[in-house]
C-alpha atoms as a PDB file:
ATOM      1  CA  MET A   1       0.000   0.000   0.000  1.00  0.00           C
ATOM      2  CA  THR A   2       1.135   3.568  -0.740  1.00  0.00           C
ATOM      3  CA  ASP A   3       0.337   6.426   1.631  1.00  0.00           C
ATOM      4  CA  VAL A   4       0.196   9.921   0.110  1.00  0.00           C
ATOM      5  CA  VAL A   5      -0.412  13.118   2.047  1.00  0.00           C
ATOM      6  CA  ALA A   6      -3.043  15.030   0.058  1.00  0.00           C
ATOM      7  CA  ILE A   7      -3.878  18.686   0.705  1.00  0.00           C
ATOM      8  CA  ASP A   8      -6.580  20.804  -0.932  1.00  0.00           C
ATOM      9  CA  VAL A   9      -5.908  24.514  -0.345  1.00  0.00           C
ATOM     10  CA  GLY A  10      -8.836  26.917  -0.386  1.00  0.00           C
ATOM     11  CA  GLY A  11      -9.011  30.668   0.145  1.00  0.00           C
ATOM     12  CA  THR A  12     -10.347  30.290   3.696  1.00  0.00           C
ATOM     13  CA  ARG A  13      -9.456  26.715   4.700  1.00  0.00           C
ATOM     14  CA  LEU A  14      -7.339  23.787   3.633  1.00  0.00           C
ATOM     15  CA  LYS A  15      -8.344  20.149   3.900  1.00  0.00           C
ATOM     16  CA  ALA A  16      -5.707  17.471   4.344  1.00  0.00           C
ATOM     17  CA  THR A  17      -5.630  13.713   4.701  1.00  0.00           C
ATOM     18  CA  VAL A  18      -3.642  10.597   3.953  1.00  0.00           C
ATOM     19  CA  VAL A  19      -4.843   8.734   0.867  1.00  0.00           C
ATOM     20  CA  THR A  20      -3.980   5.038   0.760  1.00  0.00           C
ATOM     21  CA  ASP A  21      -4.474   3.346  -2.612  1.00  0.00           C
ATOM     22  CA  GLY A  22      -7.289   5.768  -3.441  1.00  0.00           C
ATOM     23  CA  ARG A  23      -8.982   5.559  -0.037  1.00  0.00           C
ATOM     24  CA  VAL A  24      -9.313   8.827   1.882  1.00  0.00           C
ATOM     25  CA  GLY A  25      -8.481   8.752   5.563  1.00  0.00           C
ATOM     26  CA  ASP A  26      -9.557  11.149   8.297  1.00  0.00           C
ATOM     27  CA  VAL A  27      -9.619  14.739   7.042  1.00  0.00           C
ATOM     28  CA  VAL A  28      -8.186  17.624   9.036  1.00  0.00           C
ATOM     29  CA  SER A  29      -9.029  21.268   8.347  1.00  0.00           C
ATOM     30  CA  ARG A  30      -6.923  24.376   8.940  1.00  0.00           C
ATOM     31  CA  SER A  31      -7.705  28.056   8.413  1.00  0.00           C
ATOM     32  CA  THR A  32      -5.896  29.786   5.538  1.00  0.00           C
ATOM     33  CA  ALA A  33      -7.744  33.111   5.664  1.00  0.00           C
ATOM     34  CA  GLY A  34      -5.434  36.099   5.299  1.00  0.00           C
ATOM     35  CA  LEU A  35      -2.228  34.079   5.046  1.00  0.00           C
ATOM     36  CA  HIS A  36       0.786  35.403   3.142  1.00  0.00           C
ATOM     37  CA  GLY A  37       2.616  33.040   0.795  1.00  0.00           C
ATOM     38  CA  GLY A  38       5.335  32.275   3.329  1.00  0.00           C
ATOM     39  CA  GLU A  39       2.794  31.645   6.062  1.00  0.00           C
ATOM     40  CA  LEU A  40       0.855  29.280   3.827  1.00  0.00           C
ATOM     41  CA  THR A  41       4.041  27.360   3.054  1.00  0.00           C
ATOM     42  CA  ALA A  42       4.763  27.035   6.778  1.00  0.00           C
ATOM     43  CA  LEU A  43       1.215  25.766   7.364  1.00  0.00           C
ATOM     44  CA  LEU A  44       1.588  23.210   4.573  1.00  0.00           C
ATOM     45  CA  ASN A  45       4.857  21.944   6.020  1.00  0.00           C
ATOM     46  CA  ALA A  46       3.378  21.695   9.509  1.00  0.00           C
ATOM     47  CA  THR A  47       0.345  19.831   8.177  1.00  0.00           C
ATOM     48  CA  VAL A  48       2.513  17.367   6.255  1.00  0.00           C
ATOM     49  CA  ALA A  49       4.660  16.762   9.331  1.00  0.00           C
ATOM     50  CA  GLU A  50       1.545  16.158  11.437  1.00  0.00           C
ATOM     51  CA  LEU A  51       0.033  13.634   9.023  1.00  0.00           C
ATOM     52  CA  ALA A  52       3.316  11.846   8.319  1.00  0.00           C
ATOM     53  CA  ARG A  53       4.360  11.582  11.945  1.00  0.00           C
ATOM     54  CA  THR A  54       3.122   8.018  12.491  1.00  0.00           C
ATOM     55  CA  ARG A  55       3.539   6.531   9.008  1.00  0.00           C
ATOM     56  CA  LEU A  56       5.933   6.310   6.108  1.00  0.00           C
ATOM     57  CA  VAL A  57       4.485   8.359   3.254  1.00  0.00           C
ATOM     58  CA  GLY A  58       5.521   7.960  -0.364  1.00  0.00           C
ATOM     59  CA  GLY A  59       4.705  11.477  -1.528  1.00  0.00           C
ATOM     60  CA  VAL A  60       2.827  14.720  -0.983  1.00  0.00           C
ATOM     61  CA  GLY A  61       0.229  16.253  -3.280  1.00  0.00           C
ATOM     62  CA  VAL A  62      -1.035  19.834  -2.962  1.00  0.00           C
ATOM     63  CA  ALA A  63      -3.992  21.259  -4.913  1.00  0.00           C
ATOM     64  CA  VAL A  64      -4.159  25.065  -5.131  1.00  0.00           C
ATOM     65  CA  PRO A  65      -6.599  27.494  -6.797  1.00  0.00           C
ATOM     66  CA  GLY A  66      -4.198  28.942  -9.365  1.00  0.00           C
ATOM     67  CA  ILE A  67      -2.098  28.323 -12.443  1.00  0.00           C
ATOM     68  CA  VAL A  68       0.868  26.094 -11.641  1.00  0.00           C
ATOM     69  CA  ASP A  69       3.957  25.402 -13.738  1.00  0.00           C
ATOM     70  CA  HIS A  70       6.242  22.604 -12.513  1.00  0.00           C
ATOM     71  CA  GLY A  71       5.292  23.242  -8.894  1.00  0.00           C
ATOM     72  CA  ARG A  72       5.600  27.025  -9.151  1.00  0.00           C
ATOM     73  CA  VAL A  73       2.472  29.167  -8.755  1.00  0.00           C
ATOM     74  CA  VAL A  74       2.415  31.561 -11.712  1.00  0.00           C
ATOM     75  CA  SER A  75      -1.045  33.115 -11.311  1.00  0.00           C
ATOM     76  CA  LEU A  76      -3.434  33.290  -8.369  1.00  0.00           C
ATOM     77  CA  PRO A  77      -5.807  36.282  -8.661  1.00  0.00           C
ATOM     78  CA  GLY A  78      -6.896  37.788  -5.366  1.00  0.00           C
ATOM     79  CA  LYS A  79      -5.569  35.091  -3.015  1.00  0.00           C
ATOM     80  CA  PHE A  80      -2.462  34.573  -0.869  1.00  0.00           C
ATOM     81  CA  ASP A  81      -0.300  37.623  -1.450  1.00  0.00           C
ATOM     82  CA  GLY A  82       3.302  36.612  -1.989  1.00  0.00           C
ATOM     83  CA  LEU A  83       2.539  33.119  -3.262  1.00  0.00           C
ATOM     84  CA  VAL A  84       2.810  33.924  -6.980  1.00  0.00           C
ATOM     85  CA  GLY A  85       6.322  33.142  -8.158  1.00  0.00           C
ATOM     86  CA  ARG A  86       7.108  30.792  -5.285  1.00  0.00           C
ATOM     87  CA  ASP A  87       8.235  27.275  -6.093  1.00  0.00           C
ATOM     88  CA  LEU A  88       5.717  25.759  -3.721  1.00  0.00           C
ATOM     89  CA  ALA A  89       6.710  22.193  -4.546  1.00  0.00           C
ATOM     90  CA  ALA A  90      10.343  22.918  -3.690  1.00  0.00           C
ATOM     91  CA  ASP A  91       9.328  24.729  -0.485  1.00  0.00           C
ATOM     92  CA  VAL A  92       7.363  21.714   0.725  1.00  0.00           C
ATOM     93  CA  ALA A  93       9.964  19.199  -0.506  1.00  0.00           C
ATOM     94  CA  ALA A  94      12.604  20.984   1.555  1.00  0.00           C
ATOM     95  CA  ALA A  95      10.776  19.894   4.690  1.00  0.00           C
ATOM     96  CA  VAL A  96       9.975  16.312   3.663  1.00  0.00           C
ATOM     97  CA  ASP A  97      12.191  13.830   1.819  1.00  0.00           C
ATOM     98  CA  VAL A  98       9.556  12.527  -0.645  1.00  0.00           C
ATOM     99  CA  PRO A  99       8.264  13.620  -4.069  1.00  0.00           C
ATOM    100  CA  VAL A 100       5.957  16.644  -3.957  1.00  0.00           C
ATOM    101  CA  VAL A 101       3.379  17.502  -6.634  1.00  0.00           C
ATOM    102  CA  VAL A 102       1.534  20.843  -6.770  1.00  0.00           C
ATOM    103  CA  VAL A 103      -1.354  21.217  -9.227  1.00  0.00           C
ATOM    104  CA  ASN A 104      -4.398  23.368  -9.869  1.00  0.00           C
ATOM    105  CA  ASP A 105      -7.364  22.323  -7.735  1.00  0.00           C
ATOM    106  CA  ALA A 106      -9.756  21.901 -10.694  1.00  0.00           C
ATOM    107  CA  ILE A 107      -7.286  19.525 -12.347  1.00  0.00           C
ATOM    108  CA  ALA A 108      -6.974  17.563  -9.104  1.00  0.00           C
ATOM    109  CA  ALA A 109     -10.760  17.346  -8.689  1.00  0.00           C
ATOM    110  CA  GLY A 110     -11.131  16.313 -12.319  1.00  0.00           C
ATOM    111  CA  VAL A 111      -8.678  13.439 -11.932  1.00  0.00           C
ATOM    112  CA  GLY A 112     -10.419  12.345  -8.726  1.00  0.00           C
ATOM    113  CA  GLU A 113     -13.862  12.224 -10.343  1.00  0.00           C
ATOM    114  CA  ALA A 114     -12.495  10.552 -13.479  1.00  0.00           C
ATOM    115  CA  ILE A 115     -10.741   7.677 -11.734  1.00  0.00           C
ATOM    116  CA  SER A 116     -12.832   7.114  -8.600  1.00  0.00           C
ATOM    117  CA  GLY A 117     -16.012   9.164  -8.969  1.00  0.00           C
ATOM    118  CA  ALA A 118     -18.795   9.711 -11.473  1.00  0.00           C
ATOM    119  CA  GLY A 119     -16.464   9.420 -14.471  1.00  0.00           C
ATOM    120  CA  ALA A 120     -14.958   6.053 -13.536  1.00  0.00           C
ATOM    121  CA  GLY A 121     -14.967   3.634 -16.457  1.00  0.00           C
ATOM    122  CA  HIS A 122     -14.880   6.347 -19.142  1.00  0.00           C
ATOM    123  CA  ARG A 123     -11.753   6.923 -21.196  1.00  0.00           C
ATOM    124  CA  ARG A 124     -12.122  10.706 -21.639  1.00  0.00           C
ATOM    125  CA  VAL A 125     -13.935  12.755 -19.006  1.00  0.00           C
ATOM    126  CA  VAL A 126     -14.651  16.469 -18.738  1.00  0.00           C
ATOM    127  CA  VAL A 127     -15.233  17.763 -15.216  1.00  0.00           C
ATOM    128  CA  MET A 128     -16.843  21.165 -14.630  1.00  0.00           C
ATOM    129  CA  THR A 129     -16.965  22.606 -11.115  1.00  0.00           C
ATOM    130  CA  ILE A 130     -19.394  25.438 -10.382  1.00  0.00           C
ATOM    131  CA  GLY A 131     -18.368  27.788  -7.595  1.00  0.00           C
ATOM    132  CA  THR A 132     -17.070  31.329  -7.173  1.00  0.00           C
ATOM    133  CA  GLY A 133     -15.592  30.706 -10.614  1.00  0.00           C
ATOM    134  CA  ILE A 134     -15.753  27.787 -13.012  1.00  0.00           C
ATOM    135  CA  GLY A 135     -13.167  25.039 -12.830  1.00  0.00           C
ATOM    136  CA  THR A 136     -12.709  22.681 -15.763  1.00  0.00           C
ATOM    137  CA  ALA A 137     -10.520  19.661 -16.412  1.00  0.00           C
ATOM    138  CA  VAL A 138     -10.153  17.148 -19.219  1.00  0.00           C
ATOM    139  CA  VAL A 139      -8.917  13.730 -18.138  1.00  0.00           C
ATOM    140  CA  GLU A 140      -7.991  10.824 -20.418  1.00  0.00           C
ATOM    141  CA  ASP A 141      -7.055   7.393 -19.099  1.00  0.00           C
ATOM    142  CA  GLY A 142      -6.785   8.885 -15.631  1.00  0.00           C
ATOM    143  CA  CYS A 143      -4.342  11.656 -16.590  1.00  0.00           C
ATOM    144  CA  PRO A 144      -4.927  15.359 -17.354  1.00  0.00           C
ATOM    145  CA  LEU A 145      -5.004  15.848 -21.121  1.00  0.00           C
ATOM    146  CA  GLY A 146      -1.920  17.838 -22.116  1.00  0.00           C
ATOM    147  CA  PHE A 147       1.093  19.180 -20.279  1.00  0.00           C
ATOM    148  CA  GLY A 148       2.308  22.500 -18.916  1.00  0.00           C
ATOM    149  CA  PRO A 149       0.516  25.249 -16.998  1.00  0.00           C
ATOM    150  CA  TRP A 150      -2.320  25.472 -19.566  1.00  0.00           C
ATOM    151  CA  GLY A 151      -2.793  21.721 -19.974  1.00  0.00           C
ATOM    152  CA  GLY A 152      -5.624  19.594 -18.685  1.00  0.00           C
ATOM    153  CA  GLY A 153      -8.408  21.722 -20.161  1.00  0.00           C
ATOM    154  CA  LEU A 154      -7.877  24.214 -17.356  1.00  0.00           C
ATOM    155  CA  MET A 155      -9.020  27.261 -19.332  1.00  0.00           C
ATOM    156  CA  GLY A 156     -12.435  25.910 -20.297  1.00  0.00           C
ATOM    157  CA  GLY A 157     -14.144  28.532 -18.164  1.00  0.00           C
ATOM    158  CA  GLN A 158     -12.765  31.248 -20.437  1.00  0.00           C
ATOM    159  CA  ILE A 159     -14.529  29.898 -23.554  1.00  0.00           C
ATOM    160  CA  PRO A 160     -16.938  32.582 -24.864  1.00  0.00           C
ATOM    161  CA  ILE A 161     -20.593  31.527 -25.165  1.00  0.00           C
ATOM    162  CA  ALA A 162     -22.262  34.947 -25.541  1.00  0.00           C
ATOM    163  CA  PRO A 163     -21.414  38.444 -26.823  1.00  0.00           C
ATOM    164  CA  GLY A 164     -18.722  40.090 -24.738  1.00  0.00           C
ATOM    165  CA  ASP A 165     -20.048  43.646 -24.748  1.00  0.00           C
ATOM    166  CA  ALA A 166     -22.135  43.489 -21.550  1.00  0.00           C
ATOM    167  CA  GLY A 167     -22.765  41.486 -18.417  1.00  0.00           C
ATOM    168  CA  PRO A 168     -20.593  40.186 -15.570  1.00  0.00           C
ATOM    169  CA  VAL A 169     -16.886  39.486 -15.939  1.00  0.00           C
ATOM    170  CA  ASP A 170     -14.858  36.365 -15.241  1.00  0.00           C
ATOM    171  CA  THR A 171     -11.619  36.192 -13.227  1.00  0.00           C
ATOM    172  CA  SER A 172      -9.636  37.364 -16.257  1.00  0.00           C
ATOM    173  CA  GLY A 173     -11.901  40.398 -16.761  1.00  0.00           C
ATOM    174  CA  GLN A 174     -13.677  38.984 -19.830  1.00  0.00           C
ATOM    175  CA  ARG A 175     -17.421  39.070 -20.502  1.00  0.00           C
ATOM    176  CA  GLY A 176     -19.600  36.471 -22.165  1.00  0.00           C
ATOM    177  CA  THR A 177     -17.500  33.496 -21.082  1.00  0.00           C
ATOM    178  CA  ILE A 178     -18.582  30.277 -19.406  1.00  0.00           C
ATOM    179  CA  GLU A 179     -17.190  31.504 -16.096  1.00  0.00           C
ATOM    180  CA  ALA A 180     -18.763  34.943 -16.386  1.00  0.00           C
ATOM    181  CA  LEU A 181     -22.215  33.493 -17.088  1.00  0.00           C
ATOM    182  CA  CYS A 182     -22.224  30.213 -15.152  1.00  0.00           C
ATOM    183  CA  ALA A 183     -20.477  30.980 -11.846  1.00  0.00           C
ATOM    184  CA  ALA A 184     -22.694  30.175  -8.881  1.00  0.00           C
ATOM    185  CA  GLU A 185     -23.385  33.855  -8.181  1.00  0.00           C
ATOM    186  CA  ARG A 186     -25.239  34.082 -11.511  1.00  0.00           C
ATOM    187  CA  LEU A 187     -27.958  31.900  -9.989  1.00  0.00           C
ATOM    188  CA  VAL A 188     -28.486  34.496  -7.263  1.00  0.00           C
ATOM    189  CA  ASP A 189     -28.454  37.303  -9.850  1.00  0.00           C
ATOM    190  CA  ALA A 190     -31.072  35.476 -11.926  1.00  0.00           C
ATOM    191  CA  ALA A 191     -33.246  34.945  -8.861  1.00  0.00           C
ATOM    192  CA  ARG A 192     -33.225  38.618  -7.953  1.00  0.00           C
ATOM    193  CA  ALA A 193     -33.977  39.553 -11.568  1.00  0.00           C
ATOM    194  CA  ASN A 194     -37.047  37.318 -11.335  1.00  0.00           C
ATOM    195  CA  GLY A 195     -38.330  38.886  -8.119  1.00  0.00           C
ATOM    196  CA  CYS A 196     -36.993  36.160  -5.843  1.00  0.00           C
ATOM    197  CA  GLY A 197     -34.996  37.909  -3.118  1.00  0.00           C
ATOM    198  CA  VAL A 198     -32.414  35.361  -1.935  1.00  0.00           C
ATOM    199  CA  GLU A 199     -29.129  35.781  -0.116  1.00  0.00           C
ATOM    200  CA  ASP A 200     -27.240  32.813  -1.531  1.00  0.00           C
ATOM    201  CA  VAL A 201     -27.490  29.651  -3.607  1.00  0.00           C
ATOM    202  CA  PRO A 202     -28.682  27.336  -0.780  1.00  0.00           C
ATOM    203  CA  ASN A 203     -31.497  29.806  -0.111  1.00  0.00           C
ATOM    204  CA  LEU A 204     -32.410  29.742  -3.805  1.00  0.00           C
ATOM    205  CA  LEU A 205     -32.392  25.948  -3.820  1.00  0.00           C
ATOM    206  CA  ALA A 206     -34.783  25.884  -0.862  1.00  0.00           C
ATOM    207  CA  ARG A 207     -37.117  28.274  -2.675  1.00  0.00           C
ATOM    208  CA  TRP A 208     -36.870  26.192  -5.873  1.00  0.00           C
ATOM    209  CA  GLN A 209     -37.706  22.997  -3.971  1.00  0.00           C
ATOM    210  CA  ALA A 210     -40.725  24.749  -2.446  1.00  0.00           C
ATOM    211  CA  GLY A 211     -42.004  25.567  -5.947  1.00  0.00           C
ATOM    212  CA  ASP A 212     -41.393  29.330  -5.838  1.00  0.00           C
ATOM    213  CA  SER A 213     -42.134  30.656  -9.340  1.00  0.00           C
ATOM    214  CA  GLY A 214     -39.334  33.236  -9.239  1.00  0.00           C
ATOM    215  CA  ALA A 215     -36.812  30.591  -8.226  1.00  0.00           C
ATOM    216  CA  ARG A 216     -38.034  28.270 -10.975  1.00  0.00           C
ATOM    217  CA  SER A 217     -37.721  31.034 -13.576  1.00  0.00           C
ATOM    218  CA  ALA A 218     -34.238  31.905 -12.335  1.00  0.00           C
ATOM    219  CA  VAL A 219     -33.002  28.340 -12.660  1.00  0.00           C
ATOM    220  CA  SER A 220     -34.504  28.058 -16.150  1.00  0.00           C
ATOM    221  CA  ALA A 221     -32.688  31.228 -17.204  1.00  0.00           C
ATOM    222  CA  TYR A 222     -29.392  29.993 -15.746  1.00  0.00           C
ATOM    223  CA  ARG A 223     -29.741  26.619 -17.454  1.00  0.00           C
ATOM    224  CA  VAL A 224     -29.744  28.333 -20.861  1.00  0.00           C
ATOM    225  CA  PHE A 225     -26.132  29.394 -20.325  1.00  0.00           C
ATOM    226  CA  LEU A 226     -25.181  26.151 -18.570  1.00  0.00           C
ATOM    227  CA  GLU A 227     -26.392  24.192 -21.598  1.00  0.00           C
ATOM    228  CA  ARG A 228     -24.335  26.394 -23.930  1.00  0.00           C
ATOM    229  CA  ALA A 229     -21.309  25.893 -21.714  1.00  0.00           C
ATOM    230  CA  LEU A 230     -21.664  22.132 -21.675  1.00  0.00           C
ATOM    231  CA  VAL A 231     -22.171  21.948 -25.437  1.00  0.00           C
ATOM    232  CA  ALA A 232     -19.018  24.037 -25.964  1.00  0.00           C
ATOM    233  CA  LEU A 233     -16.960  21.783 -23.689  1.00  0.00           C
ATOM    234  CA  VAL A 234     -18.312  18.609 -25.271  1.00  0.00           C
ATOM    235  CA  GLN A 235     -17.699  19.855 -28.817  1.00  0.00           C
ATOM    236  CA  ALA A 236     -14.180  20.979 -27.908  1.00  0.00           C
ATOM    237  CA  HIS A 237     -13.079  17.800 -26.126  1.00  0.00           C
ATOM    238  CA  THR A 238     -15.455  14.992 -27.278  1.00  0.00           C
ATOM    239  CA  PRO A 239     -15.743  13.186 -23.939  1.00  0.00           C
ATOM    240  CA  SER A 240     -18.213  10.365 -23.350  1.00  0.00           C
ATOM    241  CA  ILE A 241     -19.264  11.953 -20.064  1.00  0.00           C
ATOM    242  CA  VAL A 242     -19.286  15.370 -18.411  1.00  0.00           C
ATOM    243  CA  VAL A 243     -19.244  15.428 -14.623  1.00  0.00           C
ATOM    244  CA  VAL A 244     -20.650  18.601 -13.063  1.00  0.00           C
ATOM    245  CA  GLY A 245     -19.815  19.382  -9.450  1.00  0.00           C
ATOM    246  CA  GLY A 246     -19.634  22.181  -6.932  1.00  0.00           C
ATOM    247  CA  GLY A 247     -21.898  23.189  -4.069  1.00  0.00           C
ATOM    248  CA  PRO A 248     -25.066  23.906  -6.093  1.00  0.00           C
ATOM    249  CA  VAL A 249     -24.909  20.596  -7.934  1.00  0.00           C
ATOM    250  CA  SER A 250     -23.747  18.464  -5.032  1.00  0.00           C
ATOM    251  CA  THR A 251     -26.607  19.733  -2.896  1.00  0.00           C
ATOM    252  CA  SER A 252     -29.307  18.746  -5.369  1.00  0.00           C
ATOM    253  CA  SER A 253     -28.392  17.767  -8.913  1.00  0.00           C
ATOM    254  CA  ASP A 254     -31.901  17.619 -10.324  1.00  0.00           C
ATOM    255  CA  TRP A 255     -32.494  21.359 -10.359  1.00  0.00           C
ATOM    256  CA  LEU A 256     -29.605  22.076 -12.722  1.00  0.00           C
ATOM    257  CA  LEU A 257     -28.959  18.814 -14.546  1.00  0.00           C
ATOM    258  CA  ALA A 258     -32.363  17.160 -15.007  1.00  0.00           C
ATOM    259  CA  GLY A 259     -32.799  16.442 -18.724  1.00  0.00           C
ATOM    260  CA  MET A 260     -29.436  18.040 -19.547  1.00  0.00           C
ATOM    261  CA  SER A 261     -28.027  14.943 -21.280  1.00  0.00           C
ATOM    262  CA  ASP A 262     -30.948  14.993 -23.740  1.00  0.00           C
ATOM    263  CA  ALA A 263     -30.653  18.749 -24.231  1.00  0.00           C
ATOM    264  CA  ILE A 264     -26.955  18.405 -25.040  1.00  0.00           C
ATOM    265  CA  ALA A 265     -27.565  15.463 -27.382  1.00  0.00           C
ATOM    266  CA  ARG A 266     -29.764  17.609 -29.630  1.00  0.00           C
ATOM    267  CA  ARG A 267     -26.805  19.893 -30.344  1.00  0.00           C
ATOM    268  CA  LEU A 268     -24.057  17.346 -30.963  1.00  0.00           C
ATOM    269  CA  TRP A 269     -22.717  15.791 -34.147  1.00  0.00           C
ATOM    270  CA  TRP A 270     -24.506  12.752 -35.611  1.00  0.00           C
ATOM    271  CA  GLY A 271     -23.561   9.692 -33.618  1.00  0.00           C
ATOM    272  CA  GLN A 272     -21.787  11.684 -30.912  1.00  0.00           C
ATOM    273  CA  GLU A 273     -22.915  10.698 -27.429  1.00  0.00           C
ATOM    274  CA  CYS A 274     -22.177  12.277 -24.062  1.00  0.00           C
ATOM    275  CA  ALA A 275     -23.878  11.914 -20.694  1.00  0.00           C
ATOM    276  CA  VAL A 276     -24.066  14.781 -18.185  1.00  0.00           C
ATOM    277  CA  VAL A 277     -24.005  13.587 -14.575  1.00  0.00           C
ATOM    278  CA  PRO A 278     -23.494  15.085 -11.104  1.00  0.00           C
ATOM    279  CA  ALA A 279     -20.156  14.683  -9.328  1.00  0.00           C
ATOM    280  CA  ALA A 280     -19.922  11.859  -6.817  1.00  0.00           C
ATOM    281  CA  LEU A 281     -16.969  12.615  -4.524  1.00  0.00           C
ATOM    282  CA  GLY A 282     -17.811  16.077  -3.204  1.00  0.00           C
ATOM    283  CA  ASP A 283     -14.965  17.675  -1.236  1.00  0.00           C
ATOM    284  CA  ALA A 284     -12.907  14.491  -1.476  1.00  0.00           C
ATOM    285  CA  ALA A 285     -12.433  14.773  -5.260  1.00  0.00           C
ATOM    286  CA  ALA A 286      -9.344  16.999  -5.184  1.00  0.00           C
ATOM    287  CA  LEU A 287      -7.762  14.936  -2.395  1.00  0.00           C
ATOM    288  CA  VAL A 288      -8.226  11.685  -4.316  1.00  0.00           C
ATOM    289  CA  GLY A 289      -7.060  13.324  -7.537  1.00  0.00           C
ATOM    290  CA  VAL A 290      -3.910  14.976  -6.252  1.00  0.00           C
ATOM    291  CA  ALA A 291      -2.877  11.735  -4.541  1.00  0.00           C
ATOM    292  CA  ALA A 292      -3.336   9.906  -7.850  1.00  0.00           C
ATOM    293  CA  LEU A 293      -1.211  12.523  -9.611  1.00  0.00           C
ATOM    294  CA  VAL A 294       1.607  11.912  -7.140  1.00  0.00           C
ATOM    295  CA  GLU A 295       1.518   8.222  -8.012  1.00  0.00           C
ATOM    296  CA  GLN A 296       1.345   8.992 -11.734  1.00  0.00           C
ATOM    297  CA  GLN A 297       4.588  10.953 -11.876  1.00  0.00           C
ATOM    298  CA  PRO A 298       6.517   8.319 -13.870  1.00  0.00           C
ATOM    299  CA  ARG A 299       3.612   8.303 -16.389  1.00  0.00           C
ATOM    300  CA  ARG A 300       3.553  12.081 -16.649  1.00  0.00           C
END
């Protein structure tokens, strides 16, 4: 058996565990809010030391919300001042004598869902995560498709699906993109535009489940752009399955994904088939995925 320390770094908290042959152990959580790059590195090293104290680990995997090139964070808008430019893999490796892999969190989650979650058994899988932004990953035979900082289908959220002259912007400042129009906050915007005053997505879901007409109209409006996004990703990457995750979907998949496979099928090439399904692993996806990427290093 191989033990891998797996860490999923978020803007407010990190989750960490030991993954043994794809099985997630007990998960610990630590606050990351307001940390500088050096402080985050120190927290990562302390967390690794804590989890490795009573076992012999074969590697460490760290998933972060940014663009990563060979373990170095090259872009991380609005989070962890001082982390961009740091060789995070080298920083962690200096404190532990095992291989260290640092990857984007959407790529890690995509690998997790593809090998052990809703995409298991499919050769090519696209994973779309709906949250503050949109995370995308393309995984083939258990590995991210392509190499380098832009590999793995990472930039799928920046695909334009509407005119770019109006509307909200994505994390790169562009309008009309999948991320600009399908981020979770767009559900709240649509609800308010339809006279349904909600504070957040869980509140909207509760109203939708209760049959509120404004909530129902909001979800229908949002699904128009979600369908366009999914069609664009399927046409670009020709997977046999698209896995959609994130808080809104994990909470209740039927409100966003019901009938979506059939809707997508009507806009694909003759004979092309692709199912759209909800994610299965929840918060564990990135932990499972980054551990798998550590073990895949000879393949990559």
